[in-house]
Amino acid sequence: LAFSQLLWSWPAESAAIDGPKHQIFKQELDGSYFFLYESPNGSYRE
């Protein structure tokens, strides 16, 4: 998961220059979570 996080964050970091177009983060009490990030240049992560 840590190694994958490095890979997953690369596109989001390059898109962060423009700032997020849409961003959501939700965490439940049991530790479950959901997040979404979309940038103006079309990069997307969920």
All heavy atoms as atom14 arrays in JSON, in Angstrom:
{
  "sequence": "LAFSQLLWSWPAESAAIDGPKHQIFKQELDGSYFFLYESPNGSYRE",
  "atom14_mask": [
    [1, 1, 1, 1, 1, 1, 1, 1, 0, 0, 0, 0, 0, 0],
    [1, 1, 1, 1, 1, 0, 0, 0, 0, 0, 0, 0, 0, 0],
    [1, 1, 1, 1, 1, 1, 1, 1, 1, 1, 1, 0, 0, 0],
    [1, 1, 1, 1, 1, 1, 0, 0, 0, 0, 0, 0, 0, 0],
    [1, 1, 1, 1, 1, 1, 1, 1, 1, 0, 0, 0, 0, 0],
    [1, 1, 1, 1, 1, 1, 1, 1, 0, 0, 0, 0, 0, 0],
    [1, 1, 1, 1, 1, 1, 1, 1, 0, 0, 0, 0, 0, 0],
    [1, 1, 1, 1, 1, 1, 1, 1, 1, 1, 1, 1, 1, 1],
    [1, 1, 1, 1, 1, 1, 0, 0, 0, 0, 0, 0, 0, 0],
    [1, 1, 1, 1, 1, 1, 1, 1, 1, 1, 1, 1, 1, 1],
    [1, 1, 1, 1, 1, 1, 1, 0, 0, 0, 0, 0, 0, 0],
    [1, 1, 1, 1, 1, 0, 0, 0, 0, 0, 0, 0, 0, 0],
    [1, 1, 1, 1, 1, 1, 1, 1, 1, 0, 0, 0, 0, 0],
    [1, 1, 1, 1, 1, 1, 0, 0, 0, 0, 0, 0, 0, 0],
    [1, 1, 1, 1, 1, 0, 0, 0, 0, 0, 0, 0, 0, 0],
    [1, 1, 1, 1, 1, 0, 0, 0, 0, 0, 0, 0, 0, 0],
    [1, 1, 1, 1, 1, 1, 1, 1, 0, 0, 0, 0, 0, 0],
    [1, 1, 1, 1, 1, 1, 1, 1, 0, 0, 0, 0, 0, 0],
    [1, 1, 1, 1, 0, 0, 0, 0, 0, 0, 0, 0, 0, 0],
    [1, 1, 1, 1, 1, 1, 1, 0, 0, 0, 0, 0, 0, 0],
    [1, 1, 1, 1, 1, 1, 1, 1, 1, 0, 0, 0, 0, 0],
    [1, 1, 1, 1, 1, 1, 1, 1, 1, 1, 0, 0, 0, 0],
    [1, 1, 1, 1, 1, 1, 1, 1, 1, 0, 0, 0, 0, 0],
    [1, 1, 1, 1, 1, 1, 1, 1, 0, 0, 0, 0, 0, 0],
    [1, 1, 1, 1, 1, 1, 1, 1, 1, 1, 1, 0, 0, 0],
    [1, 1, 1, 1, 1, 1, 1, 1, 1, 0, 0, 0, 0, 0],
    [1, 1, 1, 1, 1, 1, 1, 1, 1, 0, 0, 0, 0, 0],
    [1, 1, 1, 1, 1, 1, 1, 1, 1, 0, 0, 0, 0, 0],
    [1, 1, 1, 1, 1, 1, 1, 1, 0, 0, 0, 0, 0, 0],
    [1, 1, 1, 1, 1, 1, 1, 1, 0, 0, 0, 0, 0, 0],
    [1, 1, 1, 1, 0, 0, 0, 0, 0, 0, 0, 0, 0, 0],
    [1, 1, 1, 1, 1, 1, 0, 0, 0, 0, 0, 0, 0, 0],
    [1, 1, 1, 1, 1, 1, 1, 1, 1, 1, 1, 1, 0, 0],
    [1, 1, 1, 1, 1, 1, 1, 1, 1, 1, 1, 0, 0, 0],
    [1, 1, 1, 1, 1, 1, 1, 1, 1, 1, 1, 0, 0, 0],
    [1, 1, 1, 1, 1, 1, 1, 1, 0, 0, 0, 0, 0, 0],
    [1, 1, 1, 1, 1, 1, 1, 1, 1, 1, 1, 1, 0, 0],
    [1, 1, 1, 1, 1, 1, 1, 1, 1, 0, 0, 0, 0, 0],
    [1, 1, 1, 1, 1, 1, 0, 0, 0, 0, 0, 0, 0, 0],
    [1, 1, 1, 1, 1, 1, 1, 0, 0, 0, 0, 0, 0, 0],
    [1, 1, 1, 1, 1, 1, 1, 1, 0, 0, 0, 0, 0, 0],
    [1, 1, 1, 1, 0, 0, 0, 0, 0, 0, 0, 0, 0, 0],
    [1, 1, 1, 1, 1, 1, 0, 0, 0, 0, 0, 0, 0, 0],
    [1, 1, 1, 1, 1, 1, 1, 1, 1, 1, 1, 1, 0, 0],
    [1, 1, 1, 1, 1, 1, 1, 1, 1, 1, 1, 0, 0, 0],
    [1, 1, 1, 1, 1, 1, 1, 1, 1, 0, 0, 0, 0, 0]
  ],
  "atom14_positions": [
    [[0.82, -1.21, 0.0], [0.0, 0.0, 0.0], [0.85, 1.26, 0.0], [0.54, 2.24, -0.68], [-0.96, -0.01, 1.18], [-2.08, -1.04, 1.1], [-2.88, -1.06, 2.38], [-2.98, -0.8, -0.09], [0.0, 0.0, 0.0], [0.0, 0.0, 0.0], [0.0, 0.0, 0.0], [0.0, 0.0, 0.0], [0.0, 0.0, 0.0], [0.0, 0.0, 0.0]],
    [[1.95, 1.25, 0.75], [2.84, 2.42, 0.79], [3.47, 2.65, -0.57], [3.53, 3.78, -1.08], [3.91, 2.24, 1.85], [0.0, 0.0, 0.0], [0.0, 0.0, 0.0], [0.0, 0.0, 0.0], [0.0, 0.0, 0.0], [0.0, 0.0, 0.0], [0.0, 0.0, 0.0], [0.0, 0.0, 0.0], [0.0, 0.0, 0.0], [0.0, 0.0, 0.0]],
    [[3.97, 1.58, -1.2], [4.58, 1.7, -2.52], [3.54, 2.16, -3.54], [3.8, 3.03, -4.36], [5.19, 0.37, -2.95], [5.78, 0.4, -4.33], [6.96, 1.06, -4.56], [5.13, -0.22, -5.38], [7.51, 1.11, -5.83], [5.66, -0.18, -6.64], [6.85, 0.48, -6.87], [0.0, 0.0, 0.0], [0.0, 0.0, 0.0], [0.0, 0.0, 0.0]],
    [[2.34, 1.58, -3.45], [1.27, 1.95, -4.37], [0.89, 3.4, -4.2], [0.57, 4.08, -5.17], [0.06, 1.05, -4.14], [0.42, -0.29, -4.34], [0.0, 0.0, 0.0], [0.0, 0.0, 0.0], [0.0, 0.0, 0.0], [0.0, 0.0, 0.0], [0.0, 0.0, 0.0], [0.0, 0.0, 0.0], [0.0, 0.0, 0.0], [0.0, 0.0, 0.0]],
    [[0.91, 3.89, -2.96], [0.58, 5.29, -2.7], [1.51, 6.22, -3.47], [1.09, 7.24, -4.0], [0.63, 5.6, -1.2], [0.32, 7.02, -0.86], [-1.09, 7.42, -1.22], [-1.99, 6.61, -1.21], [-1.28, 8.67, -1.56], [0.0, 0.0, 0.0], [0.0, 0.0, 0.0], [0.0, 0.0, 0.0], [0.0, 0.0, 0.0], [0.0, 0.0, 0.0]],
    [[2.79, 5.85, -3.55], [3.74, 6.66, -4.32], [3.33, 6.7, -5.78], [3.35, 7.76, -6.42], [5.15, 6.1, -4.18], [5.81, 6.25, -2.82], [7.14, 5.51, -2.8], [6.01, 7.71, -2.49], [0.0, 0.0, 0.0], [0.0, 0.0, 0.0], [0.0, 0.0, 0.0], [0.0, 0.0, 0.0], [0.0, 0.0, 0.0], [0.0, 0.0, 0.0]],
    [[2.95, 5.55, -6.32], [2.53, 5.51, -7.71], [1.23, 6.25, -7.93], [1.07, 6.98, -8.9], [2.36, 4.05, -8.16], [3.63, 3.21, -8.21], [3.29, 1.77, -8.54], [4.61, 3.77, -9.21], [0.0, 0.0, 0.0], [0.0, 0.0, 0.0], [0.0, 0.0, 0.0], [0.0, 0.0, 0.0], [0.0, 0.0, 0.0], [0.0, 0.0, 0.0]],
    [[0.28, 6.08, -7.0], [-1.03, 6.71, -7.15], [-0.94, 8.21, -7.03], [-1.69, 8.93, -7.67], [-2.0, 6.21, -6.1], [-2.25, 4.75, -6.12], [-2.18, 3.91, -7.19], [-2.61, 3.95, -5.01], [-2.47, 2.65, -6.81], [-2.74, 2.63, -5.48], [-2.83, 4.2, -3.68], [-3.09, 1.58, -4.65], [-3.19, 3.15, -2.86], [-3.32, 1.87, -3.35]],
    [[-0.07, 8.7, -6.22], [-0.03, 10.14, -5.98], [0.67, 10.9, -7.1], [0.47, 12.09, -7.23], [0.66, 10.43, -4.65], [2.01, 10.04, -4.7], [0.0, 0.0, 0.0], [0.0, 0.0, 0.0], [0.0, 0.0, 0.0], [0.0, 0.0, 0.0], [0.0, 0.0, 0.0], [0.0, 0.0, 0.0], [0.0, 0.0, 0.0], [0.0, 0.0, 0.0]],
    [[1.44, 10.23, -7.94], [2.17, 10.95, -8.98], [1.26, 11.76, -9.89], [1.45, 12.95, -10.04], [3.05, 9.98, -9.79], [3.74, 10.69, -10.9], [4.81, 11.52, -10.82], [3.34, 10.68, -12.27], [5.12, 12.01, -12.05], [4.24, 11.51, -12.96], [2.33, 10.06, -12.97], [4.14, 11.72, -14.32], [2.24, 10.27, -14.32], [3.14, 11.09, -14.98]],
    [[0.22, 11.17, -10.49], [-0.63, 12.0, -11.34], [-1.33, 13.1, -10.56], [-1.45, 14.21, -11.06], [-1.66, 11.01, -11.9], [-1.0, 9.69, -11.78], [-0.13, 9.78, -10.55], [0.0, 0.0, 0.0], [0.0, 0.0, 0.0], [0.0, 0.0, 0.0], [0.0, 0.0, 0.0], [0.0, 0.0, 0.0], [0.0, 0.0, 0.0], [0.0, 0.0, 0.0]],
    [[-1.77, 12.83, -9.35], [-2.46, 13.84, -8.57], [-1.53, 15.0, -8.22], [-1.92, 16.15, -8.24], [-3.04, 13.23, -7.3], [0.0, 0.0, 0.0], [0.0, 0.0, 0.0], [0.0, 0.0, 0.0], [0.0, 0.0, 0.0], [0.0, 0.0, 0.0], [0.0, 0.0, 0.0], [0.0, 0.0, 0.0], [0.0, 0.0, 0.0], [0.0, 0.0, 0.0]],
    [[-0.26, 14.69, -7.93], [0.69, 15.75, -7.6], [0.96, 16.62, -8.81], [1.07, 17.82, -8.7], [1.99, 15.15, -7.08], [1.85, 14.59, -5.68], [3.09, 13.88, -5.21], [4.12, 13.92, -5.94], [3.05, 13.29, -4.14], [0.0, 0.0, 0.0], [0.0, 0.0, 0.0], [0.0, 0.0, 0.0], [0.0, 0.0, 0.0], [0.0, 0.0, 0.0]],
    [[1.09, 16.02, -10.01], [1.35, 16.83, -11.2], [0.15, 17.71, -11.51], [0.28, 18.77, -12.05], [1.71, 15.94, -12.39], [0.61, 15.13, -12.74], [0.0, 0.0, 0.0], [0.0, 0.0, 0.0], [0.0, 0.0, 0.0], [0.0, 0.0, 0.0], [0.0, 0.0, 0.0], [0.0, 0.0, 0.0], [0.0, 0.0, 0.0], [0.0, 0.0, 0.0]],
    [[-1.05, 17.23, -11.15], [-2.26, 18.01, -11.39], [-2.45, 19.09, -10.34], [-3.17, 20.05, -10.57], [-3.47, 17.08, -11.41], [0.0, 0.0, 0.0], [0.0, 0.0, 0.0], [0.0, 0.0, 0.0], [0.0, 0.0, 0.0], [0.0, 0.0, 0.0], [0.0, 0.0, 0.0], [0.0, 0.0, 0.0], [0.0, 0.0, 0.0], [0.0, 0.0, 0.0]],
    [[-1.81, 18.95, -9.19], [-2.02, 19.87, -8.08], [-1.58, 21.3, -8.41], [-1.98, 22.22, -7.74], [-1.3, 19.37, -6.84], [0.0, 0.0, 0.0], [0.0, 0.0, 0.0], [0.0, 0.0, 0.0], [0.0, 0.0, 0.0], [0.0, 0.0, 0.0], [0.0, 0.0, 0.0], [0.0, 0.0, 0.0], [0.0, 0.0, 0.0], [0.0, 0.0, 0.0]],
    [[-0.79, 21.46, -9.46], [-0.35, 22.78, -9.87], [-1.55, 23.66, -10.19], [-1.6, 24.82, -9.84], [0.6, 22.69, -11.09], [1.86, 21.95, -10.69], [0.91, 24.06, -11.65], [2.74, 21.55, -11.84], [0.0, 0.0, 0.0], [0.0, 0.0, 0.0], [0.0, 0.0, 0.0], [0.0, 0.0, 0.0], [0.0, 0.0, 0.0], [0.0, 0.0, 0.0]],
    [[-2.57, 23.07, -10.82], [-3.78, 23.8, -11.18], [-4.74, 23.93, -10.01], [-5.65, 24.72, -10.06], [-4.5, 23.08, -12.33], [-3.67, 23.03, -13.59], [-2.86, 23.95, -13.81], [-3.82, 22.07, -14.35], [0.0, 0.0, 0.0], [0.0, 0.0, 0.0], [0.0, 0.0, 0.0], [0.0, 0.0, 0.0], [0.0, 0.0, 0.0], [0.0, 0.0, 0.0]],
    [[-4.57, 23.13, -8.98], [-5.5, 23.1, -7.87], [-6.67, 22.2, -8.19], [-6.97, 21.93, -9.33], [0.0, 0.0, 0.0], [0.0, 0.0, 0.0], [0.0, 0.0, 0.0], [0.0, 0.0, 0.0], [0.0, 0.0, 0.0], [0.0, 0.0, 0.0], [0.0, 0.0, 0.0], [0.0, 0.0, 0.0], [0.0, 0.0, 0.0], [0.0, 0.0, 0.0]],
    [[-7.35, 21.73, -7.16], [-8.44, 20.79, -7.4], [-9.67, 21.45, -8.01], [-10.03, 22.56, -7.65], [-8.75, 20.25, -6.01], [-8.28, 21.3, -5.07], [-7.11, 21.96, -5.75], [0.0, 0.0, 0.0], [0.0, 0.0, 0.0], [0.0, 0.0, 0.0], [0.0, 0.0, 0.0], [0.0, 0.0, 0.0], [0.0, 0.0, 0.0], [0.0, 0.0, 0.0]],
    [[-10.27, 20.75, -8.96], [-11.55, 21.16, -9.52], [-12.66, 20.65, -8.61], [-13.66, 21.32, -8.39], [-11.7, 20.58, -10.92], [-13.01, 20.83, -11.58], [-13.01, 20.19, -12.97], [-14.37, 20.26, -13.62], [-14.35, 19.59, -14.91], [0.0, 0.0, 0.0], [0.0, 0.0, 0.0], [0.0, 0.0, 0.0], [0.0, 0.0, 0.0], [0.0, 0.0, 0.0]],
    [[-12.44, 19.45, -8.07], [-13.42, 18.82, -7.2], [-12.67, 17.91, -6.23], [-11.76, 17.2, -6.64], [-14.39, 17.99, -8.05], [-15.6, 17.54, -7.32], [-16.62, 18.39, -6.99], [-15.95, 16.33, -6.85], [-17.56, 17.71, -6.36], [-17.17, 16.46, -6.25], [0.0, 0.0, 0.0], [0.0, 0.0, 0.0], [0.0, 0.0, 0.0], [0.0, 0.0, 0.0]],
    [[-13.05, 17.94, -4.97], [-12.33, 17.15, -3.96], [-13.3, 16.75, -2.85], [-14.05, 17.58, -2.35], [-11.2, 17.99, -3.4], [-10.29, 17.27, -2.48], [-9.08, 18.15, -2.14], [-8.58, 18.88, -2.97], [-8.62, 18.07, -0.92], [0.0, 0.0, 0.0], [0.0, 0.0, 0.0], [0.0, 0.0, 0.0], [0.0, 0.0, 0.0], [0.0, 0.0, 0.0]],
    [[-13.3, 15.46, -2.48], [-14.15, 14.95, -1.41], [-13.33, 13.99, -0.56], [-12.54, 13.2, -1.11], [-15.36, 14.17, -1.96], [-16.24, 15.07, -2.82], [-16.18, 13.53, -0.85], [-17.34, 14.33, -3.56], [0.0, 0.0, 0.0], [0.0, 0.0, 0.0], [0.0, 0.0, 0.0], [0.0, 0.0, 0.0], [0.0, 0.0, 0.0], [0.0, 0.0, 0.0]],
    [[-13.5, 14.03, 0.73], [-12.9, 13.03, 1.62], [-13.89, 12.73, 2.73], [-14.46, 13.64, 3.32], [-11.59, 13.52, 2.25], [-10.99, 12.48, 3.17], [-10.25, 11.44, 2.65], [-11.2, 12.54, 4.53], [-9.72, 10.45, 3.49], [-10.67, 11.58, 5.37], [-9.92, 10.53, 4.85], [0.0, 0.0, 0.0], [0.0, 0.0, 0.0], [0.0, 0.0, 0.0]],
    [[-14.11, 11.45, 2.97], [-15.01, 11.04, 4.04], [-14.41, 9.83, 4.74], [-13.95, 8.9, 4.09], [-16.38, 10.67, 3.47], [-17.38, 10.29, 4.53], [-18.75, 10.02, 3.94], [-19.72, 9.67, 5.06], [-21.05, 9.36, 4.55], [0.0, 0.0, 0.0], [0.0, 0.0, 0.0], [0.0, 0.0, 0.0], [0.0, 0.0, 0.0], [0.0, 0.0, 0.0]],
    [[-14.39, 9.85, 6.08], [-13.9, 8.71, 6.85], [-14.94, 8.32, 7.88], [-15.5, 9.16, 8.58], [-12.59, 9.03, 7.55], [-12.03, 7.8, 8.25], [-10.55, 7.93, 8.54], [-9.97, 9.01, 8.45], [-9.94, 6.83, 8.9], [0.0, 0.0, 0.0], [0.0, 0.0, 0.0], [0.0, 0.0, 0.0], [0.0, 0.0, 0.0], [0.0, 0.0, 0.0]],
    [[-15.2, 7.0, 7.95], [-16.17, 6.47, 8.9], [-15.48, 6.16, 10.23], [-14.26, 6.06, 10.3], [-16.81, 5.19, 8.33], [-17.53, 5.39, 7.02], [-18.74, 6.29, 7.1], [-19.35, 6.37, 8.2], [-19.06, 6.95, 6.11], [0.0, 0.0, 0.0], [0.0, 0.0, 0.0], [0.0, 0.0, 0.0], [0.0, 0.0, 0.0], [0.0, 0.0, 0.0]],
    [[-16.26, 5.96, 11.26], [-15.72, 5.66, 12.59], [-14.96, 4.33, 12.62], [-14.01, 4.17, 13.39], [-16.84, 5.63, 13.63], [-17.51, 6.98, 13.9], [-18.68, 6.8, 14.85], [-16.51, 7.98, 14.44], [0.0, 0.0, 0.0], [0.0, 0.0, 0.0], [0.0, 0.0, 0.0], [0.0, 0.0, 0.0], [0.0, 0.0, 0.0], [0.0, 0.0, 0.0]],
    [[-15.33, 3.38, 11.77], [-14.64, 2.09, 11.77], [-13.31, 2.12, 11.0], [-12.6, 1.13, 10.94], [-15.54, 0.99, 11.2], [-15.8, 1.11, 9.71], [-15.38, 2.11, 9.09], [-16.44, 0.2, 9.15], [0.0, 0.0, 0.0], [0.0, 0.0, 0.0], [0.0, 0.0, 0.0], [0.0, 0.0, 0.0], [0.0, 0.0, 0.0], [0.0, 0.0, 0.0]],
    [[-12.97, 3.28, 10.41], [-11.72, 3.4, 9.66], [-11.9, 3.32, 8.16], [-10.99, 3.61, 7.4], [0.0, 0.0, 0.0], [0.0, 0.0, 0.0], [0.0, 0.0, 0.0], [0.0, 0.0, 0.0], [0.0, 0.0, 0.0], [0.0, 0.0, 0.0], [0.0, 0.0, 0.0], [0.0, 0.0, 0.0], [0.0, 0.0, 0.0], [0.0, 0.0, 0.0]],
    [[-13.07, 2.91, 7.68], [-13.35, 2.9, 6.25], [-13.31, 4.34, 5.74], [-13.58, 5.28, 6.49], [-14.72, 2.28, 5.98], [-14.77, 0.94, 6.4], [0.0, 0.0, 0.0], [0.0, 0.0, 0.0], [0.0, 0.0, 0.0], [0.0, 0.0, 0.0], [0.0, 0.0, 0.0], [0.0, 0.0, 0.0], [0.0, 0.0, 0.0], [0.0, 0.0, 0.0]],
    [[-12.98, 4.51, 4.45], [-12.86, 5.87, 3.92], [-13.19, 5.9, 2.43], [-13.24, 4.88, 1.75], [-11.45, 6.42, 4.14], [-10.39, 5.66, 3.36], [-10.03, 6.07, 2.08], [-9.77, 4.54, 3.89], [-9.08, 5.38, 1.35], [-8.82, 3.85, 3.18], [-8.48, 4.27, 1.91], [-7.55, 3.57, 1.18], [0.0, 0.0, 0.0], [0.0, 0.0, 0.0]],
    [[-13.38, 7.12, 1.93], [-13.59, 7.37, 0.52], [-12.98, 8.73, 0.2], [-13.11, 9.66, 0.98], [-15.09, 7.41, 0.19], [-15.38, 7.94, -1.19], [-15.26, 7.12, -2.29], [-15.76, 9.26, -1.38], [-15.51, 7.62, -3.57], [-16.01, 9.76, -2.64], [-15.89, 8.92, -3.74], [0.0, 0.0, 0.0], [0.0, 0.0, 0.0], [0.0, 0.0, 0.0]],
    [[-12.28, 8.83, -0.93], [-11.87, 10.16, -1.38], [-11.92, 10.24, -2.89], [-11.84, 9.24, -3.59], [-10.51, 10.59, -0.83], [-9.32, 9.88, -1.43], [-8.78, 10.28, -2.64], [-8.73, 8.84, -0.75], [-7.67, 9.65, -3.17], [-7.62, 8.2, -1.27], [-7.09, 8.6, -2.49], [0.0, 0.0, 0.0], [0.0, 0.0, 0.0], [0.0, 0.0, 0.0]],
    [[-12.08, 11.45, -3.37], [-12.14, 11.74, -4.79], [-11.39, 13.04, -5.03], [-11.48, 13.97, -4.23], [-13.61, 11.91, -5.2], [-13.84, 12.38, -6.62], [-14.77, 11.41, -7.33], [-14.45, 13.77, -6.59], [0.0, 0.0, 0.0], [0.0, 0.0, 0.0], [0.0, 0.0, 0.0], [0.0, 0.0, 0.0], [0.0, 0.0, 0.0], [0.0, 0.0, 0.0]],
    [[-10.64, 13.08, -6.12], [-9.9, 14.27, -6.49], [-9.98, 14.41, -8.01], [-9.72, 13.45, -8.74], [-8.44, 14.13, -6.07], [-7.57, 15.29, -6.48], [-7.36, 16.35, -5.6], [-6.96, 15.34, -7.71], [-6.56, 17.42, -5.96], [-6.17, 16.41, -8.09], [-5.96, 17.44, -7.21], [-5.18, 18.51, -7.56], [0.0, 0.0, 0.0], [0.0, 0.0, 0.0]],
    [[-10.34, 15.58, -8.47], [-10.38, 15.85, -9.91], [-9.75, 17.21, -10.15], [-10.05, 18.17, -9.46], [-11.82, 15.84, -10.4], [-11.95, 16.03, -11.88], [-13.41, 16.01, -12.34], [-14.31, 15.96, -11.48], [-13.62, 16.06, -13.56], [0.0, 0.0, 0.0], [0.0, 0.0, 0.0], [0.0, 0.0, 0.0], [0.0, 0.0, 0.0], [0.0, 0.0, 0.0]],
    [[-8.85, 17.28, -11.13], [-8.2, 18.56, -11.41], [-8.72, 19.15, -12.72], [-9.31, 18.45, -13.54], [-6.68, 18.36, -11.5], [-6.36, 17.7, -12.7], [0.0, 0.0, 0.0], [0.0, 0.0, 0.0], [0.0, 0.0, 0.0], [0.0, 0.0, 0.0], [0.0, 0.0, 0.0], [0.0, 0.0, 0.0], [0.0, 0.0, 0.0], [0.0, 0.0, 0.0]],
    [[-8.51, 20.42, -12.94], [-8.96, 21.07, -14.18], [-8.34, 20.47, -15.44], [-8.93, 20.53, -16.5], [-8.52, 22.52, -14.01], [-8.42, 22.72, -12.54], [-7.96, 21.39, -11.99], [0.0, 0.0, 0.0], [0.0, 0.0, 0.0], [0.0, 0.0, 0.0], [0.0, 0.0, 0.0], [0.0, 0.0, 0.0], [0.0, 0.0, 0.0], [0.0, 0.0, 0.0]],
    [[-7.15, 19.87, -15.33], [-6.5, 19.32, -16.53], [-6.97, 17.9, -16.86], [-6.45, 17.28, -17.76], [-4.98, 19.35, -16.39], [-4.45, 18.35, -15.38], [-5.19, 17.57, -14.79], [-3.15, 18.38, -15.16], [0.0, 0.0, 0.0], [0.0, 0.0, 0.0], [0.0, 0.0, 0.0], [0.0, 0.0, 0.0], [0.0, 0.0, 0.0], [0.0, 0.0, 0.0]],
    [[-7.96, 17.38, -16.13], [-8.51, 16.07, -16.45], [-7.99, 14.93, -15.6], [-8.49, 13.82, -15.68], [0.0, 0.0, 0.0], [0.0, 0.0, 0.0], [0.0, 0.0, 0.0], [0.0, 0.0, 0.0], [0.0, 0.0, 0.0], [0.0, 0.0, 0.0], [0.0, 0.0, 0.0], [0.0, 0.0, 0.0], [0.0, 0.0, 0.0], [0.0, 0.0, 0.0]],
    [[-6.96, 15.16, -14.79], [-6.48, 14.11, -13.89], [-7.55, 13.82, -12.86], [-8.26, 14.72, -12.41], [-5.2, 14.55, -13.18], [-4.16, 14.73, -14.1], [0.0, 0.0, 0.0], [0.0, 0.0, 0.0], [0.0, 0.0, 0.0], [0.0, 0.0, 0.0], [0.0, 0.0, 0.0], [0.0, 0.0, 0.0], [0.0, 0.0, 0.0], [0.0, 0.0, 0.0]],
    [[-7.65, 12.57, -12.49], [-8.74, 12.14, -11.63], [-8.26, 11.0, -10.74], [-7.48, 10.16, -11.19], [-9.88, 11.64, -12.53], [-11.06, 11.08, -11.81], [-12.06, 11.9, -11.3], [-11.21, 9.71, -11.65], [-13.16, 11.38, -10.67], [-12.31, 9.17, -11.0], [-13.29, 10.02, -10.52], [-14.37, 9.49, -9.88], [0.0, 0.0, 0.0], [0.0, 0.0, 0.0]],
    [[-8.71, 10.95, -9.52], [-8.37, 9.85, -8.62], [-9.51, 9.64, -7.64], [-10.06, 10.6, -7.09], [-7.09, 10.16, -7.86], [-6.66, 9.01, -6.98], [-5.28, 9.27, -6.41], [-5.01, 8.29, -5.38], [-4.19, 8.49, -4.38], [-3.54, 9.62, -4.3], [-3.99, 7.56, -3.49], [0.0, 0.0, 0.0], [0.0, 0.0, 0.0], [0.0, 0.0, 0.0]],
    [[-9.87, 8.38, -7.44], [-10.95, 8.02, -6.53], [-10.54, 6.72, -5.83], [-10.0, 5.82, -6.46], [-12.23, 7.79, -7.32], [-13.42, 7.45, -6.5], [-14.67, 7.31, -7.35], [-14.78, 7.97, -8.4], [-15.54, 6.52, -6.95], [0.0, 0.0, 0.0], [0.0, 0.0, 0.0], [0.0, 0.0, 0.0], [0.0, 0.0, 0.0], [0.0, 0.0, 0.0]]
  ]
}
